[in-house]
Amino acid sequence: MEIAPRVRVTRFGDGYEQRTPDGIHTMLRKWSVRLAADESTVKAADDFLRARAGVEPFDWTALDHRPGKWVCRSWSVSYGPGGGAELAATFEEVAL
């Protein structure tokens, strides 16, 4: 899991800087997700992500057991011998 709080920074000439939160939901999470399974399971996951096209959020409960709304802007699928496949994706939490 990656968290990068959104912060506004104002820098002044003497090296001093002022930091304030940038909005209400500033602590959104990002997860790298891997699914290694048979081809049909990976295809179903790929179809699910394609249907949302990086725009429509979906419900997902992360491994920290905290549910949220997520988008997936990029993912990759690879196929191995014997009918196995893998999907690697980045889920980004969105504030609604």
PDB file of N, CA and C in Angstrom:
ATOM      1  N   MET A   1       0.841  -1.170   0.000  1.00  0.00           N
ATOM      2  CA  MET A   1       0.000   0.000   0.000  1.00  0.00           C
ATOM      3  C   MET A   1       0.885   1.232   0.000  1.00  0.00           C
ATOM      4  N   GLU A   2       0.461   2.217  -0.748  1.00  0.00           N
ATOM      5  CA  GLU A   2       1.176   3.492  -0.804  1.00  0.00           C
ATOM      6  C   GLU A   2       0.207   4.595  -0.415  1.00  0.00           C
ATOM      7  N   ILE A   3       0.677   5.504   0.421  1.00  0.00           N
ATOM      8  CA  ILE A   3      -0.115   6.682   0.782  1.00  0.00           C
ATOM      9  C   ILE A   3       0.775   7.896   0.590  1.00  0.00           C
ATOM     10  N   ALA A   4       0.288   8.872  -0.166  1.00  0.00           N
ATOM     11  CA  ALA A   4       1.007  10.122  -0.372  1.00  0.00           C
ATOM     12  C   ALA A   4       0.019  11.259  -0.117  1.00  0.00           C
ATOM     13  N   PRO A   5      -0.013  11.797   1.106  1.00  0.00           N
ATOM     14  CA  PRO A   5      -0.977  12.848   1.418  1.00  0.00           C
ATOM     15  C   PRO A   5      -0.845  14.028   0.451  1.00  0.00           C
ATOM     16  N   ARG A   6      -2.003  14.537   0.032  1.00  0.00           N
ATOM     17  CA  ARG A   6      -2.012  15.727  -0.829  1.00  0.00           C
ATOM     18  C   ARG A   6      -1.841  16.955   0.058  1.00  0.00           C
ATOM     19  N   VAL A   7      -0.791  17.709  -0.202  1.00  0.00           N
ATOM     20  CA  VAL A   7      -0.445  18.861   0.623  1.00  0.00           C
ATOM     21  C   VAL A   7      -0.144  20.049  -0.281  1.00  0.00           C
ATOM     22  N   ARG A   8      -0.643  21.210   0.108  1.00  0.00           N
ATOM     23  CA  ARG A   8      -0.271  22.460  -0.579  1.00  0.00           C
ATOM     24  C   ARG A   8       0.919  23.052   0.167  1.00  0.00           C
ATOM     25  N   VAL A   9       1.929  23.430  -0.584  1.00  0.00           N
ATOM     26  CA  VAL A   9       3.138  23.988   0.024  1.00  0.00           C
ATOM     27  C   VAL A   9       3.363  25.381  -0.545  1.00  0.00           C
ATOM     28  N   THR A  10       3.518  26.353   0.352  1.00  0.00           N
ATOM     29  CA  THR A  10       3.868  27.715  -0.041  1.00  0.00           C
ATOM     30  C   THR A  10       5.272  27.977   0.475  1.00  0.00           C
ATOM     31  N   ARG A  11       6.179  28.272  -0.441  1.00  0.00           N
ATOM     32  CA  ARG A  11       7.577  28.520  -0.059  1.00  0.00           C
ATOM     33  C   ARG A  11       7.839  30.025  -0.018  1.00  0.00           C
ATOM     34  N   PHE A  12       8.561  30.419   0.993  1.00  0.00           N
ATOM     35  CA  PHE A  12       8.906  31.819   1.161  1.00  0.00           C
ATOM     36  C   PHE A  12      10.398  32.003   0.901  1.00  0.00           C
ATOM     37  N   GLY A  13      10.804  33.216   0.622  1.00  0.00           N
ATOM     38  CA  GLY A  13      12.173  33.520   0.221  1.00  0.00           C
ATOM     39  C   GLY A  13      13.231  33.157   1.239  1.00  0.00           C
ATOM     40  N   ASP A  14      12.901  33.123   2.504  1.00  0.00           N
ATOM     41  CA  ASP A  14      13.908  32.853   3.529  1.00  0.00           C
ATOM     42  C   ASP A  14      14.067  31.362   3.831  1.00  0.00           C
ATOM     43  N   GLY A  15      13.487  30.494   2.974  1.00  0.00           N
ATOM     44  CA  GLY A  15      13.601  29.057   3.177  1.00  0.00           C
ATOM     45  C   GLY A  15      12.453  28.457   3.976  1.00  0.00           C
ATOM     46  N   TYR A  16      11.659  29.308   4.576  1.00  0.00           N
ATOM     47  CA  TYR A  16      10.504  28.838   5.343  1.00  0.00           C
ATOM     48  C   TYR A  16       9.424  28.363   4.378  1.00  0.00           C
ATOM     49  N   GLU A  17       8.682  27.323   4.746  1.00  0.00           N
ATOM     50  CA  GLU A  17       7.548  26.895   3.943  1.00  0.00           C
ATOM     51  C   GLU A  17       6.363  26.592   4.841  1.00  0.00           C
ATOM     52  N   GLN A  18       5.187  26.849   4.286  1.00  0.00           N
ATOM     53  CA  GLN A  18       3.951  26.576   5.004  1.00  0.00           C
ATOM     54  C   GLN A  18       3.242  25.426   4.301  1.00  0.00           C
ATOM     55  N   ARG A  19       2.788  24.427   5.054  1.00  0.00           N
ATOM     56  CA  ARG A  19       2.113  23.256   4.495  1.00  0.00           C
ATOM     57  C   ARG A  19       0.703  23.167   5.049  1.00  0.00           C
ATOM     58  N   THR A  20      -0.267  22.932   4.150  1.00  0.00           N
ATOM     59  CA  THR A  20      -1.662  22.747   4.548  1.00  0.00           C
ATOM     60  C   THR A  20      -2.252  21.604   3.731  1.00  0.00           C
ATOM     61  N   PRO A  21      -3.234  20.885   4.302  1.00  0.00           N
ATOM     62  CA  PRO A  21      -3.890  19.818   3.540  1.00  0.00           C
ATOM     63  C   PRO A  21      -4.571  20.391   2.298  1.00  0.00           C
ATOM     64  N   ASP A  22      -4.531  19.653   1.202  1.00  0.00           N
ATOM     65  CA  ASP A  22      -5.138  20.085  -0.058  1.00  0.00           C
ATOM     66  C   ASP A  22      -6.500  19.411  -0.217  1.00  0.00           C
ATOM     67  N   GLY A  23      -7.504  19.942   0.462  1.00  0.00           N
ATOM     68  CA  GLY A  23      -8.852  19.404   0.346  1.00  0.00           C
ATOM     69  C   GLY A  23      -9.264  18.604   1.567  1.00  0.00           C
ATOM     70  N   ILE A  24     -10.400  17.906   1.412  1.00  0.00           N
ATOM     71  CA  ILE A  24     -10.962  17.149   2.530  1.00  0.00           C
ATOM     72  C   ILE A  24     -10.341  15.755   2.615  1.00  0.00           C
ATOM     73  N   HIS A  25     -10.317  15.045   1.511  1.00  0.00           N
ATOM     74  CA  HIS A  25      -9.810  13.661   1.485  1.00  0.00           C
ATOM     75  C   HIS A  25      -8.366  13.665   0.985  1.00  0.00           C
ATOM     76  N   THR A  26      -7.441  13.841   1.890  1.00  0.00           N
ATOM     77  CA  THR A  26      -6.041  14.000   1.485  1.00  0.00           C
ATOM     78  C   THR A  26      -5.198  12.744   1.679  1.00  0.00           C
ATOM     79  N   MET A  27      -5.775  11.702   2.271  1.00  0.00           N
ATOM     80  CA  MET A  27      -5.002  10.493   2.576  1.00  0.00           C
ATOM     81  C   MET A  27      -5.549   9.294   1.805  1.00  0.00           C
ATOM     82  N   LEU A  28      -5.579   9.381   0.495  1.00  0.00           N
ATOM     83  CA  LEU A  28      -6.096   8.293  -0.330  1.00  0.00           C
ATOM     84  C   LEU A  28      -5.010   7.247  -0.550  1.00  0.00           C
ATOM     85  N   ARG A  29      -5.437   5.990  -0.623  1.00  0.00           N
ATOM     86  CA  ARG A  29      -4.506   4.862  -0.727  1.00  0.00           C
ATOM     87  C   ARG A  29      -4.324   4.417  -2.173  1.00  0.00           C
ATOM     88  N   LYS A  30      -3.218   3.755  -2.418  1.00  0.00           N
ATOM     89  CA  LYS A  30      -2.930   3.155  -3.724  1.00  0.00           C
ATOM     90  C   LYS A  30      -2.359   1.761  -3.463  1.00  0.00           C
ATOM     91  N   TRP A  31      -2.920   0.762  -4.135  1.00  0.00           N
ATOM     92  CA  TRP A  31      -2.482  -0.624  -3.951  1.00  0.00           C
ATOM     93  C   TRP A  31      -2.001  -1.216  -5.267  1.00  0.00           C
ATOM     94  N   SER A  32      -0.900  -1.949  -5.220  1.00  0.00           N
ATOM     95  CA  SER A  32      -0.467  -2.785  -6.339  1.00  0.00           C
ATOM     96  C   SER A  32      -1.057  -4.166  -6.098  1.00  0.00           C
ATOM     97  N   VAL A  33      -1.823  -4.651  -7.062  1.00  0.00           N
ATOM     98  CA  VAL A  33      -2.571  -5.896  -6.907  1.00  0.00           C
ATOM     99  C   VAL A  33      -2.116  -6.887  -7.970  1.00  0.00           C
ATOM    100  N   ARG A  34      -1.933  -8.143  -7.585  1.00  0.00           N
ATOM    101  CA  ARG A  34      -1.595  -9.215  -8.532  1.00  0.00           C
ATOM    102  C   ARG A  34      -2.582 -10.352  -8.356  1.00  0.00           C
ATOM    103  N   LEU A  35      -3.056 -10.862  -9.481  1.00  0.00           N
ATOM    104  CA  LEU A  35      -3.946 -12.019  -9.482  1.00  0.00           C
ATOM    105  C   LEU A  35      -3.314 -13.079 -10.363  1.00  0.00           C
ATOM    106  N   ALA A  36      -2.878 -14.172  -9.765  1.00  0.00           N
ATOM    107  CA  ALA A  36      -2.339 -15.314 -10.505  1.00  0.00           C
ATOM    108  C   ALA A  36      -3.373 -16.424 -10.402  1.00  0.00           C
ATOM    109  N   ALA A  37      -3.917 -16.828 -11.551  1.00  0.00           N
ATOM    110  CA  ALA A  37      -4.999 -17.817 -11.549  1.00  0.00           C
ATOM    111  C   ALA A  37      -5.084 -18.460 -12.926  1.00  0.00           C
ATOM    112  N   ASP A  38      -6.152 -19.226 -13.136  1.00  0.00           N
ATOM    113  CA  ASP A  38      -6.363 -19.812 -14.460  1.00  0.00           C
ATOM    114  C   ASP A  38      -6.816 -18.714 -15.430  1.00  0.00           C
ATOM    115  N   GLU A  39      -6.694 -18.996 -16.735  1.00  0.00           N
ATOM    116  CA  GLU A  39      -6.990 -17.989 -17.757  1.00  0.00           C
ATOM    117  C   GLU A  39      -8.398 -17.426 -17.647  1.00  0.00           C
ATOM    118  N   SER A  40      -9.388 -18.255 -17.352  1.00  0.00           N
ATOM    119  CA  SER A  40     -10.769 -17.766 -17.314  1.00  0.00           C
ATOM    120  C   SER A  40     -10.991 -16.788 -16.156  1.00  0.00           C
ATOM    121  N   THR A  41     -10.357 -17.021 -15.021  1.00  0.00           N
ATOM    122  CA  THR A  41     -10.486 -16.108 -13.883  1.00  0.00           C
ATOM    123  C   THR A  41      -9.812 -14.779 -14.186  1.00  0.00           C
ATOM    124  N   VAL A  42      -8.614 -14.835 -14.772  1.00  0.00           N
ATOM    125  CA  VAL A  42      -7.899 -13.610 -15.128  1.00  0.00           C
ATOM    126  C   VAL A  42      -8.661 -12.851 -16.212  1.00  0.00           C
ATOM    127  N   LYS A  43      -9.234 -13.568 -17.177  1.00  0.00           N
ATOM    128  CA  LYS A  43     -10.028 -12.912 -18.223  1.00  0.00           C
ATOM    129  C   LYS A  43     -11.237 -12.204 -17.620  1.00  0.00           C
ATOM    130  N   ALA A  44     -11.895 -12.822 -16.648  1.00  0.00           N
ATOM    131  CA  ALA A  44     -13.046 -12.192 -15.991  1.00  0.00           C
ATOM    132  C   ALA A  44     -12.627 -10.900 -15.282  1.00  0.00           C
ATOM    133  N   ALA A  45     -11.476 -10.918 -14.613  1.00  0.00           N
ATOM    134  CA  ALA A  45     -10.970  -9.716 -13.948  1.00  0.00           C
ATOM    135  C   ALA A  45     -10.615  -8.647 -14.976  1.00  0.00           C
ATOM    136  N   ASP A  46      -9.981  -9.046 -16.075  1.00  0.00           N
ATOM    137  CA  ASP A  46      -9.639  -8.119 -17.158  1.00  0.00           C
ATOM    138  C   ASP A  46     -10.912  -7.506 -17.750  1.00  0.00           C
ATOM    139  N   ASP A  47     -11.929  -8.322 -17.995  1.00  0.00           N
ATOM    140  CA  ASP A  47     -13.202  -7.825 -18.527  1.00  0.00           C
ATOM    141  C   ASP A  47     -13.843  -6.821 -17.570  1.00  0.00           C
ATOM    142  N   PHE A  48     -13.775  -7.100 -16.272  1.00  0.00           N
ATOM    143  CA  PHE A  48     -14.320  -6.197 -15.258  1.00  0.00           C
ATOM    144  C   PHE A  48     -13.630  -4.831 -15.334  1.00  0.00           C
ATOM    145  N   LEU A  49     -12.295  -4.826 -15.404  1.00  0.00           N
ATOM    146  CA  LEU A  49     -11.553  -3.565 -15.461  1.00  0.00           C
ATOM    147  C   LEU A  49     -11.790  -2.841 -16.782  1.00  0.00           C
ATOM    148  N   ARG A  50     -11.843  -3.573 -17.882  1.00  0.00           N
ATOM    149  CA  ARG A  50     -12.117  -2.957 -19.189  1.00  0.00           C
ATOM    150  C   ARG A  50     -13.489  -2.285 -19.212  1.00  0.00           C
ATOM    151  N   ALA A  51     -14.482  -2.916 -18.600  1.00  0.00           N
ATOM    152  CA  ALA A  51     -15.838  -2.360 -18.584  1.00  0.00           C
ATOM    153  C   ALA A  51     -15.885  -1.015 -17.852  1.00  0.00           C
ATOM    154  N   ARG A  52     -15.000  -0.818 -16.889  1.00  0.00           N
ATOM    155  CA  ARG A  52     -14.962   0.438 -16.140  1.00  0.00           C
ATOM    156  C   ARG A  52     -14.020   1.461 -16.762  1.00  0.00           C
ATOM    157  N   ALA A  53     -13.127   1.013 -17.615  1.00  0.00           N
ATOM    158  CA  ALA A  53     -12.268   1.874 -18.448  1.00  0.00           C
ATOM    159  C   ALA A  53     -11.512   2.947 -17.670  1.00  0.00           C
ATOM    160  N   GLY A  54     -11.152   2.665 -16.427  1.00  0.00           N
ATOM    161  CA  GLY A  54     -10.383   3.625 -15.649  1.00  0.00           C
ATOM    162  C   GLY A  54     -11.178   4.828 -15.193  1.00  0.00           C
ATOM    163  N   VAL A  55     -12.493   4.816 -15.439  1.00  0.00           N
ATOM    164  CA  VAL A  55     -13.334   5.970 -15.126  1.00  0.00           C
ATOM    165  C   VAL A  55     -14.336   5.656 -14.020  1.00  0.00           C
ATOM    166  N   GLU A  56     -15.044   4.547 -14.173  1.00  0.00           N
ATOM    167  CA  GLU A  56     -16.105   4.194 -13.226  1.00  0.00           C
ATOM    168  C   GLU A  56     -15.505   3.559 -11.973  1.00  0.00           C
ATOM    169  N   PRO A  57     -15.787   4.121 -10.795  1.00  0.00           N
ATOM    170  CA  PRO A  57     -15.251   3.531  -9.569  1.00  0.00           C
ATOM    171  C   PRO A  57     -15.967   2.232  -9.217  1.00  0.00           C
ATOM    172  N   PHE A  58     -15.274   1.385  -8.478  1.00  0.00           N
ATOM    173  CA  PHE A  58     -15.849   0.125  -8.020  1.00  0.00           C
ATOM    174  C   PHE A  58     -15.543  -0.048  -6.536  1.00  0.00           C
ATOM    175  N   ASP A  59     -16.354  -0.858  -5.868  1.00  0.00           N
ATOM    176  CA  ASP A  59     -16.152  -1.161  -4.451  1.00  0.00           C
ATOM    177  C   ASP A  59     -15.094  -2.246  -4.316  1.00  0.00           C
ATOM    178  N   TRP A  60     -14.190  -2.064  -3.371  1.00  0.00           N
ATOM    179  CA  TRP A  60     -13.170  -3.071  -3.092  1.00  0.00           C
ATOM    180  C   TRP A  60     -12.729  -2.895  -1.648  1.00  0.00           C
ATOM    181  N   THR A  61     -12.562  -3.981  -0.945  1.00  0.00           N
ATOM    182  CA  THR A  61     -12.025  -3.938   0.410  1.00  0.00           C
ATOM    183  C   THR A  61     -10.561  -4.337   0.338  1.00  0.00           C
ATOM    184  N   ALA A  62      -9.714  -3.400   0.699  1.00  0.00           N
ATOM    185  CA  ALA A  62      -8.269  -3.601   0.612  1.00  0.00           C
ATOM    186  C   ALA A  62      -7.798  -4.585   1.679  1.00  0.00           C
ATOM    187  N   LEU A  63      -6.548  -4.974   1.569  1.00  0.00           N
ATOM    188  CA  LEU A  63      -5.976  -5.936   2.510  1.00  0.00           C
ATOM    189  C   LEU A  63      -5.851  -5.389   3.928  1.00  0.00           C
ATOM    190  N   ASP A  64      -6.020  -4.078   4.099  1.00  0.00           N
ATOM    191  CA  ASP A  64      -6.041  -3.506   5.452  1.00  0.00           C
ATOM    192  C   ASP A  64      -7.460  -3.531   6.033  1.00  0.00           C
ATOM    193  N   HIS A  65      -8.373  -4.230   5.348  1.00  0.00           N
ATOM    194  CA  HIS A  65      -9.756  -4.451   5.783  1.00  0.00           C
ATOM    195  C   HIS A  65     -10.593  -3.179   5.806  1.00  0.00           C
ATOM    196  N   ARG A  66     -10.167  -2.153   5.076  1.00  0.00           N
ATOM    197  CA  ARG A  66     -10.934  -0.914   4.995  1.00  0.00           C
ATOM    198  C   ARG A  66     -11.510  -0.806   3.589  1.00  0.00           C
ATOM    199  N   PRO A  67     -12.838  -0.820   3.461  1.00  0.00           N
ATOM    200  CA  PRO A  67     -13.450  -0.720   2.140  1.00  0.00           C
ATOM    201  C   PRO A  67     -13.304   0.685   1.570  1.00  0.00           C
ATOM    202  N   GLY A  68     -13.455   0.789   0.264  1.00  0.00           N
ATOM    203  CA  GLY A  68     -13.391   2.089  -0.381  1.00  0.00           C
ATOM    204  C   GLY A  68     -13.896   2.006  -1.802  1.00  0.00           C
ATOM    205  N   LYS A  69     -13.893   3.149  -2.462  1.00  0.00           N
ATOM    206  CA  LYS A  69     -14.201   3.244  -3.890  1.00  0.00           C
ATOM    207  C   LYS A  69     -12.870   3.401  -4.609  1.00  0.00           C
ATOM    208  N   TRP A  70     -12.708   2.657  -5.714  1.00  0.00           N
ATOM    209  CA  TRP A  70     -11.415   2.574  -6.385  1.00  0.00           C
ATOM    210  C   TRP A  70     -11.574   2.711  -7.889  1.00  0.00           C
ATOM    211  N   VAL A  71     -10.525   3.170  -8.553  1.00  0.00           N
ATOM    212  CA  VAL A  71     -10.416   3.100 -10.007  1.00  0.00           C
ATOM    213  C   VAL A  71      -9.103   2.400 -10.331  1.00  0.00           C
ATOM    214  N   CYS A  72      -9.076   1.799 -11.511  1.00  0.00           N
ATOM    215  CA  CYS A  72      -7.856   1.165 -12.004  1.00  0.00           C
ATOM    216  C   CYS A  72      -7.559   1.776 -13.360  1.00  0.00           C
ATOM    217  N   ARG A  73      -6.531   2.613 -13.417  1.00  0.00           N
ATOM    218  CA  ARG A  73      -6.191   3.321 -14.651  1.00  0.00           C
ATOM    219  C   ARG A  73      -5.252   2.526 -15.551  1.00  0.00           C
ATOM    220  N   SER A  74      -4.564   1.544 -14.972  1.00  0.00           N
ATOM    221  CA  SER A  74      -3.662   0.730 -15.796  1.00  0.00           C
ATOM    222  C   SER A  74      -3.506  -0.657 -15.185  1.00  0.00           C
ATOM    223  N   TRP A  75      -3.352  -1.633 -16.069  1.00  0.00           N
ATOM    224  CA  TRP A  75      -3.127  -3.019 -15.653  1.00  0.00           C
ATOM    225  C   TRP A  75      -2.491  -3.773 -16.800  1.00  0.00           C
ATOM    226  N   SER A  76      -1.921  -4.920 -16.497  1.00  0.00           N
ATOM    227  CA  SER A  76      -1.322  -5.761 -17.531  1.00  0.00           C
ATOM    228  C   SER A  76      -1.739  -7.206 -17.286  1.00  0.00           C
ATOM    229  N   VAL A  77      -1.803  -7.956 -18.373  1.00  0.00           N
ATOM    230  CA  VAL A  77      -2.165  -9.372 -18.314  1.00  0.00           C
ATOM    231  C   VAL A  77      -1.073 -10.155 -19.017  1.00  0.00           C
ATOM    232  N   SER A  78      -0.632 -11.250 -18.409  1.00  0.00           N
ATOM    233  CA  SER A  78       0.339 -12.132 -19.059  1.00  0.00           C
ATOM    234  C   SER A  78      -0.148 -13.571 -18.929  1.00  0.00           C
ATOM    235  N   TYR A  79       0.191 -14.355 -19.942  1.00  0.00           N
ATOM    236  CA  TYR A  79      -0.242 -15.752 -19.991  1.00  0.00           C
ATOM    237  C   TYR A  79       0.972 -16.654 -19.933  1.00  0.00           C
ATOM    238  N   GLY A  80       0.851 -17.720 -19.171  1.00  0.00           N
ATOM    239  CA  GLY A  80       1.940 -18.667 -19.037  1.00  0.00           C
ATOM    240  C   GLY A  80       1.559 -20.013 -19.615  1.00  0.00           C
ATOM    241  N   PRO A  81       2.472 -20.946 -19.581  1.00  0.00           N
ATOM    242  CA  PRO A  81       2.180 -22.282 -20.093  1.00  0.00           C
ATOM    243  C   PRO A  81       1.193 -23.010 -19.176  1.00  0.00           C
ATOM    244  N   GLY A  82       0.450 -23.914 -19.744  1.00  0.00           N
ATOM    245  CA  GLY A  82      -0.442 -24.747 -18.940  1.00  0.00           C
ATOM    246  C   GLY A  82      -1.738 -24.087 -18.515  1.00  0.00           C
ATOM    247  N   GLY A  83      -2.127 -23.006 -19.158  1.00  0.00           N
ATOM    248  CA  GLY A  83      -3.409 -22.378 -18.845  1.00  0.00           C
ATOM    249  C   GLY A  83      -3.394 -21.395 -17.696  1.00  0.00           C
ATOM    250  N   GLY A  84      -2.224 -21.070 -17.182  1.00  0.00           N
ATOM    251  CA  GLY A  84      -2.132 -20.084 -16.108  1.00  0.00           C
ATOM    252  C   GLY A  84      -2.021 -18.680 -16.668  1.00  0.00           C
ATOM    253  N   ALA A  85      -2.392 -17.704 -15.877  1.00  0.00           N
ATOM    254  CA  ALA A  85      -2.310 -16.306 -16.299  1.00  0.00           C
ATOM    255  C   ALA A  85      -2.124 -15.430 -15.064  1.00  0.00           C
ATOM    256  N   GLU A  86      -1.717 -14.188 -15.316  1.00  0.00           N
ATOM    257  CA  GLU A  86      -1.531 -13.240 -14.221  1.00  0.00           C
ATOM    258  C   GLU A  86      -1.989 -11.863 -14.658  1.00  0.00           C
ATOM    259  N   LEU A  87      -2.668 -11.172 -13.757  1.00  0.00           N
ATOM    260  CA  LEU A  87      -3.072  -9.789 -13.972  1.00  0.00           C
ATOM    261  C   LEU A  87      -2.399  -8.956 -12.894  1.00  0.00           C
ATOM    262  N   ALA A  88      -1.733  -7.888 -13.288  1.00  0.00           N
ATOM    263  CA  ALA A  88      -1.110  -6.955 -12.349  1.00  0.00           C
ATOM    264  C   ALA A  88      -1.782  -5.604 -12.551  1.00  0.00           C
ATOM    265  N   ALA A  89      -2.210  -4.975 -11.461  1.00  0.00           N
ATOM    266  CA  ALA A  89      -2.968  -3.729 -11.564  1.00  0.00           C
ATOM    267  C   ALA A  89      -2.611  -2.798 -10.415  1.00  0.00           C
ATOM    268  N   THR A  90      -2.921  -1.526 -10.614  1.00  0.00           N
ATOM    269  CA  THR A  90      -2.801  -0.534  -9.558  1.00  0.00           C
ATOM    270  C   THR A  90      -4.189   0.023  -9.286  1.00  0.00           C
ATOM    271  N   PHE A  91      -4.663  -0.156  -8.062  1.00  0.00           N
ATOM    272  CA  PHE A  91      -5.957   0.373  -7.646  1.00  0.00           C
ATOM    273  C   PHE A  91      -5.706   1.672  -6.894  1.00  0.00           C
ATOM    274  N   GLU A  92      -6.388   2.738  -7.325  1.00  0.00           N
ATOM    275  CA  GLU A  92      -6.262   4.041  -6.684  1.00  0.00           C
ATOM    276  C   GLU A  92      -7.586   4.411  -6.037  1.00  0.00           C
ATOM    277  N   GLU A  93      -7.541   4.722  -4.759  1.00  0.00           N
ATOM    278  CA  GLU A  93      -8.755   5.100  -4.045  1.00  0.00           C
ATOM    279  C   GLU A  93      -9.216   6.473  -4.515  1.00  0.00           C
ATOM    280  N   VAL A  94     -10.534   6.635  -4.633  1.00  0.00           N
ATOM    281  CA  VAL A  94     -11.101   7.920  -5.039  1.00  0.00           C
ATOM    282  C   VAL A  94     -12.078   8.384  -3.969  1.00  0.00           C
ATOM    283  N   ALA A  95     -12.177   9.682  -3.811  1.00  0.00           N
ATOM    284  CA  ALA A  95     -13.125  10.268  -2.862  1.00  0.00           C
ATOM    285  C   ALA A  95     -14.404  10.598  -3.606  1.00  0.00           C
ATOM    286  N   LEU A  96     -15.508  10.187  -3.035  1.00  0.00           N
ATOM    287  CA  LEU A  96     -16.808  10.478  -3.655  1.00  0.00           C
ATOM    288  C   LEU A  96     -17.637  11.333  -2.732  1.00  0.00           C
TER     289      LEU A  96
END
